[in-house]
Amino acid sequence: MNTKEQISIKDVRGVDLFAGLSDQHLEQIAKVCTLRTYQPDERCAVQGETIDELRIVNGGKVAVEMRIEVAPYT
């Protein structure tokens, strides 16, 4: 189970993707952002499933697994 909490403009400022944005823009972004903490082995996204948010990893480790379909050998 993951937990969610609102983040501050300071948290958003630390994300490289948002570098160079004004405090006003960072504040707008922070208003719609939440911080989630995932447990070990918990999935934050699954290939093929649609999500309606941008997820940025700001600490820890993430394993990326991708399914590849292989044509049958004939």
PDB file of N, CA and C in Angstrom:
ATOM      1  N   MET A   1       0.847  -1.185   0.000  1.00  0.00           N
ATOM      2  CA  MET A   1       0.000   0.000   0.000  1.00  0.00           C
ATOM      3  C   MET A   1       0.884   1.237   0.000  1.00  0.00           C
ATOM      4  N   ASN A   2       0.534   2.229  -0.797  1.00  0.00           N
ATOM      5  CA  ASN A   2       1.329   3.445  -0.828  1.00  0.00           C
ATOM      6  C   ASN A   2       0.607   4.557  -0.095  1.00  0.00           C
ATOM      7  N   THR A   3       1.400   5.550   0.317  1.00  0.00           N
ATOM      8  CA  THR A   3       0.827   6.701   0.999  1.00  0.00           C
ATOM      9  C   THR A   3       0.953   7.913   0.096  1.00  0.00           C
ATOM     10  N   LYS A   4       0.056   8.873   0.257  1.00  0.00           N
ATOM     11  CA  LYS A   4       0.089  10.103  -0.540  1.00  0.00           C
ATOM     12  C   LYS A   4       0.120  11.294   0.393  1.00  0.00           C
ATOM     13  N   GLU A   5       0.876  12.318   0.004  1.00  0.00           N
ATOM     14  CA  GLU A   5       0.846  13.573   0.744  1.00  0.00           C
ATOM     15  C   GLU A   5       1.106  14.718  -0.223  1.00  0.00           C
ATOM     16  N   GLN A   6       0.555  15.868   0.084  1.00  0.00           N
ATOM     17  CA  GLN A   6       0.747  17.056  -0.750  1.00  0.00           C
ATOM     18  C   GLN A   6       2.202  17.482  -0.676  1.00  0.00           C
ATOM     19  N   ILE A   7       2.727  18.026  -1.764  1.00  0.00           N
ATOM     20  CA  ILE A   7       4.115  18.473  -1.761  1.00  0.00           C
ATOM     21  C   ILE A   7       4.179  19.994  -1.811  1.00  0.00           C
ATOM     22  N   SER A   8       5.359  20.516  -1.531  1.00  0.00           N
ATOM     23  CA  SER A   8       5.550  21.963  -1.495  1.00  0.00           C
ATOM     24  C   SER A   8       6.270  22.440  -2.748  1.00  0.00           C
ATOM     25  N   ILE A   9       6.304  23.733  -2.922  1.00  0.00           N
ATOM     26  CA  ILE A   9       7.032  24.330  -4.043  1.00  0.00           C
ATOM     27  C   ILE A   9       8.519  23.961  -3.963  1.00  0.00           C
ATOM     28  N   LYS A  10       9.036  23.810  -2.752  1.00  0.00           N
ATOM     29  CA  LYS A  10      10.433  23.409  -2.558  1.00  0.00           C
ATOM     30  C   LYS A  10      10.683  22.028  -3.164  1.00  0.00           C
ATOM     31  N   ASP A  11       9.738  21.106  -2.975  1.00  0.00           N
ATOM     32  CA  ASP A  11       9.867  19.766  -3.541  1.00  0.00           C
ATOM     33  C   ASP A  11       9.878  19.813  -5.063  1.00  0.00           C
ATOM     34  N   VAL A  12       9.005  20.612  -5.639  1.00  0.00           N
ATOM     35  CA  VAL A  12       8.911  20.720  -7.092  1.00  0.00           C
ATOM     36  C   VAL A  12      10.176  21.370  -7.657  1.00  0.00           C
ATOM     37  N   ARG A  13      10.700  22.360  -6.969  1.00  0.00           N
ATOM     38  CA  ARG A  13      11.896  23.060  -7.426  1.00  0.00           C
ATOM     39  C   ARG A  13      13.074  22.098  -7.573  1.00  0.00           C
ATOM     40  N   GLY A  14      13.101  21.021  -6.798  1.00  0.00           N
ATOM     41  CA  GLY A  14      14.199  20.068  -6.845  1.00  0.00           C
ATOM     42  C   GLY A  14      14.138  19.074  -7.992  1.00  0.00           C
ATOM     43  N   VAL A  15      13.099  19.150  -8.825  1.00  0.00           N
ATOM     44  CA  VAL A  15      12.957  18.223  -9.955  1.00  0.00           C
ATOM     45  C   VAL A  15      13.562  18.869 -11.206  1.00  0.00           C
ATOM     46  N   ASP A  16      14.555  18.197 -11.788  1.00  0.00           N
ATOM     47  CA  ASP A  16      15.250  18.750 -12.961  1.00  0.00           C
ATOM     48  C   ASP A  16      14.311  19.120 -14.106  1.00  0.00           C
ATOM     49  N   LEU A  17      13.254  18.354 -14.282  1.00  0.00           N
ATOM     50  CA  LEU A  17      12.299  18.598 -15.355  1.00  0.00           C
ATOM     51  C   LEU A  17      11.705  20.005 -15.275  1.00  0.00           C
ATOM     52  N   PHE A  18      11.597  20.541 -14.071  1.00  0.00           N
ATOM     53  CA  PHE A  18      10.981  21.854 -13.872  1.00  0.00           C
ATOM     54  C   PHE A  18      11.999  22.985 -13.700  1.00  0.00           C
ATOM     55  N   ALA A  19      13.264  22.711 -13.940  1.00  0.00           N
ATOM     56  CA  ALA A  19      14.315  23.734 -13.794  1.00  0.00           C
ATOM     57  C   ALA A  19      14.010  24.930 -14.700  1.00  0.00           C
ATOM     58  N   GLY A  20      14.202  26.103 -14.168  1.00  0.00           N
ATOM     59  CA  GLY A  20      14.010  27.324 -14.943  1.00  0.00           C
ATOM     60  C   GLY A  20      12.604  27.896 -14.887  1.00  0.00           C
ATOM     61  N   LEU A  21      11.675  27.179 -14.276  1.00  0.00           N
ATOM     62  CA  LEU A  21      10.316  27.713 -14.164  1.00  0.00           C
ATOM     63  C   LEU A  21      10.234  28.728 -13.023  1.00  0.00           C
ATOM     64  N   SER A  22       9.345  29.666 -13.171  1.00  0.00           N
ATOM     65  CA  SER A  22       9.164  30.690 -12.138  1.00  0.00           C
ATOM     66  C   SER A  22       8.497  30.084 -10.902  1.00  0.00           C
ATOM     67  N   ASP A  23       8.613  30.790  -9.774  1.00  0.00           N
ATOM     68  CA  ASP A  23       7.958  30.336  -8.547  1.00  0.00           C
ATOM     69  C   ASP A  23       6.447  30.221  -8.752  1.00  0.00           C
ATOM     70  N   GLN A  24       5.883  31.115  -9.537  1.00  0.00           N
ATOM     71  CA  GLN A  24       4.447  31.074  -9.803  1.00  0.00           C
ATOM     72  C   GLN A  24       4.071  29.775 -10.510  1.00  0.00           C
ATOM     73  N   HIS A  25       4.848  29.383 -11.511  1.00  0.00           N
ATOM     74  CA  HIS A  25       4.581  28.133 -12.220  1.00  0.00           C
ATOM     75  C   HIS A  25       4.813  26.926 -11.313  1.00  0.00           C
ATOM     76  N   LEU A  26       5.878  26.972 -10.529  1.00  0.00           N
ATOM     77  CA  LEU A  26       6.166  25.862  -9.612  1.00  0.00           C
ATOM     78  C   LEU A  26       5.048  25.704  -8.580  1.00  0.00           C
ATOM     79  N   GLU A  27       4.497  26.810  -8.133  1.00  0.00           N
ATOM     80  CA  GLU A  27       3.394  26.776  -7.171  1.00  0.00           C
ATOM     81  C   GLU A  27       2.156  26.117  -7.784  1.00  0.00           C
ATOM     82  N   GLN A  28       1.878  26.438  -9.049  1.00  0.00           N
ATOM     83  CA  GLN A  28       0.741  25.826  -9.740  1.00  0.00           C
ATOM     84  C   GLN A  28       0.940  24.321  -9.880  1.00  0.00           C
ATOM     85  N   ILE A  29       2.153  23.908 -10.190  1.00  0.00           N
ATOM     86  CA  ILE A  29       2.458  22.485 -10.320  1.00  0.00           C
ATOM     87  C   ILE A  29       2.322  21.797  -8.968  1.00  0.00           C
ATOM     88  N   ALA A  30       2.857  22.410  -7.920  1.00  0.00           N
ATOM     89  CA  ALA A  30       2.812  21.812  -6.584  1.00  0.00           C
ATOM     90  C   ALA A  30       1.373  21.584  -6.114  1.00  0.00           C
ATOM     91  N   LYS A  31       0.462  22.453  -6.517  1.00  0.00           N
ATOM     92  CA  LYS A  31      -0.936  22.330  -6.099  1.00  0.00           C
ATOM     93  C   LYS A  31      -1.588  21.039  -6.601  1.00  0.00           C
ATOM     94  N   VAL A  32      -1.117  20.531  -7.734  1.00  0.00           N
ATOM     95  CA  VAL A  32      -1.728  19.330  -8.310  1.00  0.00           C
ATOM     96  C   VAL A  32      -0.870  18.077  -8.124  1.00  0.00           C
ATOM     97  N   CYS A  33       0.206  18.215  -7.365  1.00  0.00           N
ATOM     98  CA  CYS A  33       1.123  17.091  -7.155  1.00  0.00           C
ATOM     99  C   CYS A  33       0.929  16.457  -5.785  1.00  0.00           C
ATOM    100  N   THR A  34       1.218  15.181  -5.713  1.00  0.00           N
ATOM    101  CA  THR A  34       1.273  14.481  -4.437  1.00  0.00           C
ATOM    102  C   THR A  34       2.529  13.636  -4.412  1.00  0.00           C
ATOM    103  N   LEU A  35       3.019  13.392  -3.213  1.00  0.00           N
ATOM    104  CA  LEU A  35       4.186  12.536  -3.020  1.00  0.00           C
ATOM    105  C   LEU A  35       3.676  11.164  -2.618  1.00  0.00           C
ATOM    106  N   ARG A  36       4.145  10.155  -3.296  1.00  0.00           N
ATOM    107  CA  ARG A  36       3.761   8.777  -2.973  1.00  0.00           C
ATOM    108  C   ARG A  36       5.000   8.009  -2.548  1.00  0.00           C
ATOM    109  N   THR A  37       4.823   7.184  -1.551  1.00  0.00           N
ATOM    110  CA  THR A  37       5.889   6.297  -1.102  1.00  0.00           C
ATOM    111  C   THR A  37       5.423   4.872  -1.353  1.00  0.00           C
ATOM    112  N   TYR A  38       6.199   4.137  -2.124  1.00  0.00           N
ATOM    113  CA  TYR A  38       5.861   2.759  -2.447  1.00  0.00           C
ATOM    114  C   TYR A  38       6.696   1.808  -1.601  1.00  0.00           C
ATOM    115  N   GLN A  39       6.131   0.660  -1.318  1.00  0.00           N
ATOM    116  CA  GLN A  39       6.820  -0.383  -0.571  1.00  0.00           C
ATOM    117  C   GLN A  39       7.675  -1.209  -1.534  1.00  0.00           C
ATOM    118  N   PRO A  40       8.713  -1.891  -1.026  1.00  0.00           N
ATOM    119  CA  PRO A  40       9.523  -2.749  -1.898  1.00  0.00           C
ATOM    120  C   PRO A  40       8.638  -3.738  -2.662  1.00  0.00           C
ATOM    121  N   ASP A  41       8.943  -3.909  -3.924  1.00  0.00           N
ATOM    122  CA  ASP A  41       8.227  -4.825  -4.834  1.00  0.00           C
ATOM    123  C   ASP A  41       6.822  -4.363  -5.205  1.00  0.00           C
ATOM    124  N   GLU A  42       6.408  -3.193  -4.761  1.00  0.00           N
ATOM    125  CA  GLU A  42       5.102  -2.653  -5.150  1.00  0.00           C
ATOM    126  C   GLU A  42       5.230  -2.005  -6.526  1.00  0.00           C
ATOM    127  N   ARG A  43       4.260  -2.219  -7.391  1.00  0.00           N
ATOM    128  CA  ARG A  43       4.302  -1.670  -8.744  1.00  0.00           C
ATOM    129  C   ARG A  43       3.718  -0.256  -8.772  1.00  0.00           C
ATOM    130  N   CYS A  44       4.423   0.629  -9.454  1.00  0.00           N
ATOM    131  CA  CYS A  44       3.905   1.987  -9.595  1.00  0.00           C
ATOM    132  C   CYS A  44       3.267   2.186 -10.965  1.00  0.00           C
ATOM    133  N   ALA A  45       3.517   1.281 -11.881  1.00  0.00           N
ATOM    134  CA  ALA A  45       2.890   1.314 -13.208  1.00  0.00           C
ATOM    135  C   ALA A  45       3.019  -0.078 -13.812  1.00  0.00           C
ATOM    136  N   VAL A  46       2.079  -0.414 -14.693  1.00  0.00           N
ATOM    137  CA  VAL A  46       2.081  -1.710 -15.358  1.00  0.00           C
ATOM    138  C   VAL A  46       1.916  -1.480 -16.848  1.00  0.00           C
ATOM    139  N   GLN A  47       2.762  -2.117 -17.633  1.00  0.00           N
ATOM    140  CA  GLN A  47       2.702  -1.984 -19.084  1.00  0.00           C
ATOM    141  C   GLN A  47       1.308  -2.317 -19.593  1.00  0.00           C
ATOM    142  N   GLY A  48       0.784  -1.445 -20.450  1.00  0.00           N
ATOM    143  CA  GLY A  48      -0.526  -1.666 -21.034  1.00  0.00           C
ATOM    144  C   GLY A  48      -1.669  -1.017 -20.271  1.00  0.00           C
ATOM    145  N   GLU A  49      -1.435  -0.628 -19.026  1.00  0.00           N
ATOM    146  CA  GLU A  49      -2.468   0.049 -18.251  1.00  0.00           C
ATOM    147  C   GLU A  49      -2.331   1.557 -18.423  1.00  0.00           C
ATOM    148  N   THR A  50      -3.455   2.236 -18.525  1.00  0.00           N
ATOM    149  CA  THR A  50      -3.461   3.687 -18.698  1.00  0.00           C
ATOM    150  C   THR A  50      -3.455   4.366 -17.332  1.00  0.00           C
ATOM    151  N   ILE A  51      -2.631   5.416 -17.203  1.00  0.00           N
ATOM    152  CA  ILE A  51      -2.634   6.229 -15.990  1.00  0.00           C
ATOM    153  C   ILE A  51      -2.915   7.671 -16.397  1.00  0.00           C
ATOM    154  N   ASP A  52      -3.400   8.462 -15.468  1.00  0.00           N
ATOM    155  CA  ASP A  52      -3.747   9.850 -15.784  1.00  0.00           C
ATOM    156  C   ASP A  52      -2.894  10.843 -15.018  1.00  0.00           C
ATOM    157  N   GLU A  53      -1.640  10.450 -14.791  1.00  0.00           N
ATOM    158  CA  GLU A  53      -0.733  11.334 -14.061  1.00  0.00           C
ATOM    159  C   GLU A  53       0.701  11.098 -14.502  1.00  0.00           C
ATOM    160  N   LEU A  54       1.534  12.084 -14.265  1.00  0.00           N
ATOM    161  CA  LEU A  54       2.966  11.981 -14.522  1.00  0.00           C
ATOM    162  C   LEU A  54       3.622  11.501 -13.244  1.00  0.00           C
ATOM    163  N   ARG A  55       4.466  10.499 -13.340  1.00  0.00           N
ATOM    164  CA  ARG A  55       5.148   9.977 -12.158  1.00  0.00           C
ATOM    165  C   ARG A  55       6.640  10.234 -12.298  1.00  0.00           C
ATOM    166  N   ILE A  56       7.195  10.883 -11.295  1.00  0.00           N
ATOM    167  CA  ILE A  56       8.619  11.217 -11.274  1.00  0.00           C
ATOM    168  C   ILE A  56       9.233  10.554 -10.062  1.00  0.00           C
ATOM    169  N   VAL A  57      10.278   9.761 -10.284  1.00  0.00           N
ATOM    170  CA  VAL A  57      10.956   9.088  -9.175  1.00  0.00           C
ATOM    171  C   VAL A  57      12.008  10.041  -8.635  1.00  0.00           C
ATOM    172  N   ASN A  58      11.908  10.354  -7.337  1.00  0.00           N
ATOM    173  CA  ASN A  58      12.885  11.283  -6.762  1.00  0.00           C
ATOM    174  C   ASN A  58      13.791  10.622  -5.728  1.00  0.00           C
ATOM    175  N   GLY A  59      13.688   9.332  -5.582  1.00  0.00           N
ATOM    176  CA  GLY A  59      14.583   8.631  -4.668  1.00  0.00           C
ATOM    177  C   GLY A  59      14.320   7.141  -4.700  1.00  0.00           C
ATOM    178  N   GLY A  60      15.313   6.379  -4.350  1.00  0.00           N
ATOM    179  CA  GLY A  60      15.160   4.926  -4.332  1.00  0.00           C
ATOM    180  C   GLY A  60      15.544   4.298  -5.646  1.00  0.00           C
ATOM    181  N   LYS A  61      15.093   3.089  -5.857  1.00  0.00           N
ATOM    182  CA  LYS A  61      15.427   2.332  -7.060  1.00  0.00           C
ATOM    183  C   LYS A  61      14.144   1.883  -7.741  1.00  0.00           C
ATOM    184  N   VAL A  62      14.204   1.811  -9.062  1.00  0.00           N
ATOM    185  CA  VAL A  62      13.067   1.354  -9.856  1.00  0.00           C
ATOM    186  C   VAL A  62      13.574   0.320 -10.847  1.00  0.00           C
ATOM    187  N   ALA A  63      12.878  -0.781 -10.943  1.00  0.00           N
ATOM    188  CA  ALA A  63      13.171  -1.783 -11.962  1.00  0.00           C
ATOM    189  C   ALA A  63      12.145  -1.627 -13.074  1.00  0.00           C
ATOM    190  N   VAL A  64      12.620  -1.564 -14.304  1.00  0.00           N
ATOM    191  CA  VAL A  64      11.729  -1.439 -15.446  1.00  0.00           C
ATOM    192  C   VAL A  64      11.733  -2.774 -16.185  1.00  0.00           C
ATOM    193  N   GLU A  65      10.558  -3.358 -16.296  1.00  0.00           N
ATOM    194  CA  GLU A  65      10.409  -4.614 -17.016  1.00  0.00           C
ATOM    195  C   GLU A  65       9.489  -4.376 -18.192  1.00  0.00           C
ATOM    196  N   MET A  66       9.821  -4.996 -19.315  1.00  0.00           N
ATOM    197  CA  MET A  66       9.035  -4.781 -20.523  1.00  0.00           C
ATOM    198  C   MET A  66       8.760  -6.124 -21.184  1.00  0.00           C
ATOM    199  N   ARG A  67       7.505  -6.366 -21.524  1.00  0.00           N
ATOM    200  CA  ARG A  67       7.149  -7.590 -22.235  1.00  0.00           C
ATOM    201  C   ARG A  67       7.490  -7.426 -23.712  1.00  0.00           C
ATOM    202  N   ILE A  68       8.074  -8.443 -24.279  1.00  0.00           N
ATOM    203  CA  ILE A  68       8.409  -8.429 -25.695  1.00  0.00           C
ATOM    204  C   ILE A  68       7.766  -9.668 -26.322  1.00  0.00           C
ATOM    205  N   GLU A  69       6.973  -9.436 -27.363  1.00  0.00           N
ATOM    206  CA  GLU A  69       6.368 -10.560 -28.057  1.00  0.00           C
ATOM    207  C   GLU A  69       7.300 -10.992 -29.177  1.00  0.00           C
ATOM    208  N   VAL A  70       7.548 -12.288 -29.241  1.00  0.00           N
ATOM    209  CA  VAL A  70       8.434 -12.857 -30.245  1.00  0.00           C
ATOM    210  C   VAL A  70       7.610 -13.718 -31.188  1.00  0.00           C
ATOM    211  N   ALA A  71       7.834 -13.543 -32.471  1.00  0.00           N
ATOM    212  CA  ALA A  71       7.115 -14.357 -33.453  1.00  0.00           C
ATOM    213  C   ALA A  71       7.514 -15.815 -33.311  1.00  0.00           C
ATOM    214  N   PRO A  72       6.573 -16.732 -33.501  1.00  0.00           N
ATOM    215  CA  PRO A  72       6.915 -18.151 -33.393  1.00  0.00           C
ATOM    216  C   PRO A  72       7.932 -18.565 -34.452  1.00  0.00           C
ATOM    217  N   TYR A  73       8.796 -19.460 -34.075  1.00  0.00           N
ATOM    218  CA  TYR A  73       9.829 -19.964 -34.982  1.00  0.00           C
ATOM    219  C   TYR A  73       9.221 -21.037 -35.865  1.00  0.00           C
ATOM    220  N   THR A  74       9.414 -20.891 -37.173  1.00  0.00           N
ATOM    221  CA  THR A  74       8.888 -21.915 -38.084  1.00  0.00           C
ATOM    222  C   THR A  74       9.971 -22.492 -38.940  1.00  0.00           C
TER     223      THR A  74
END
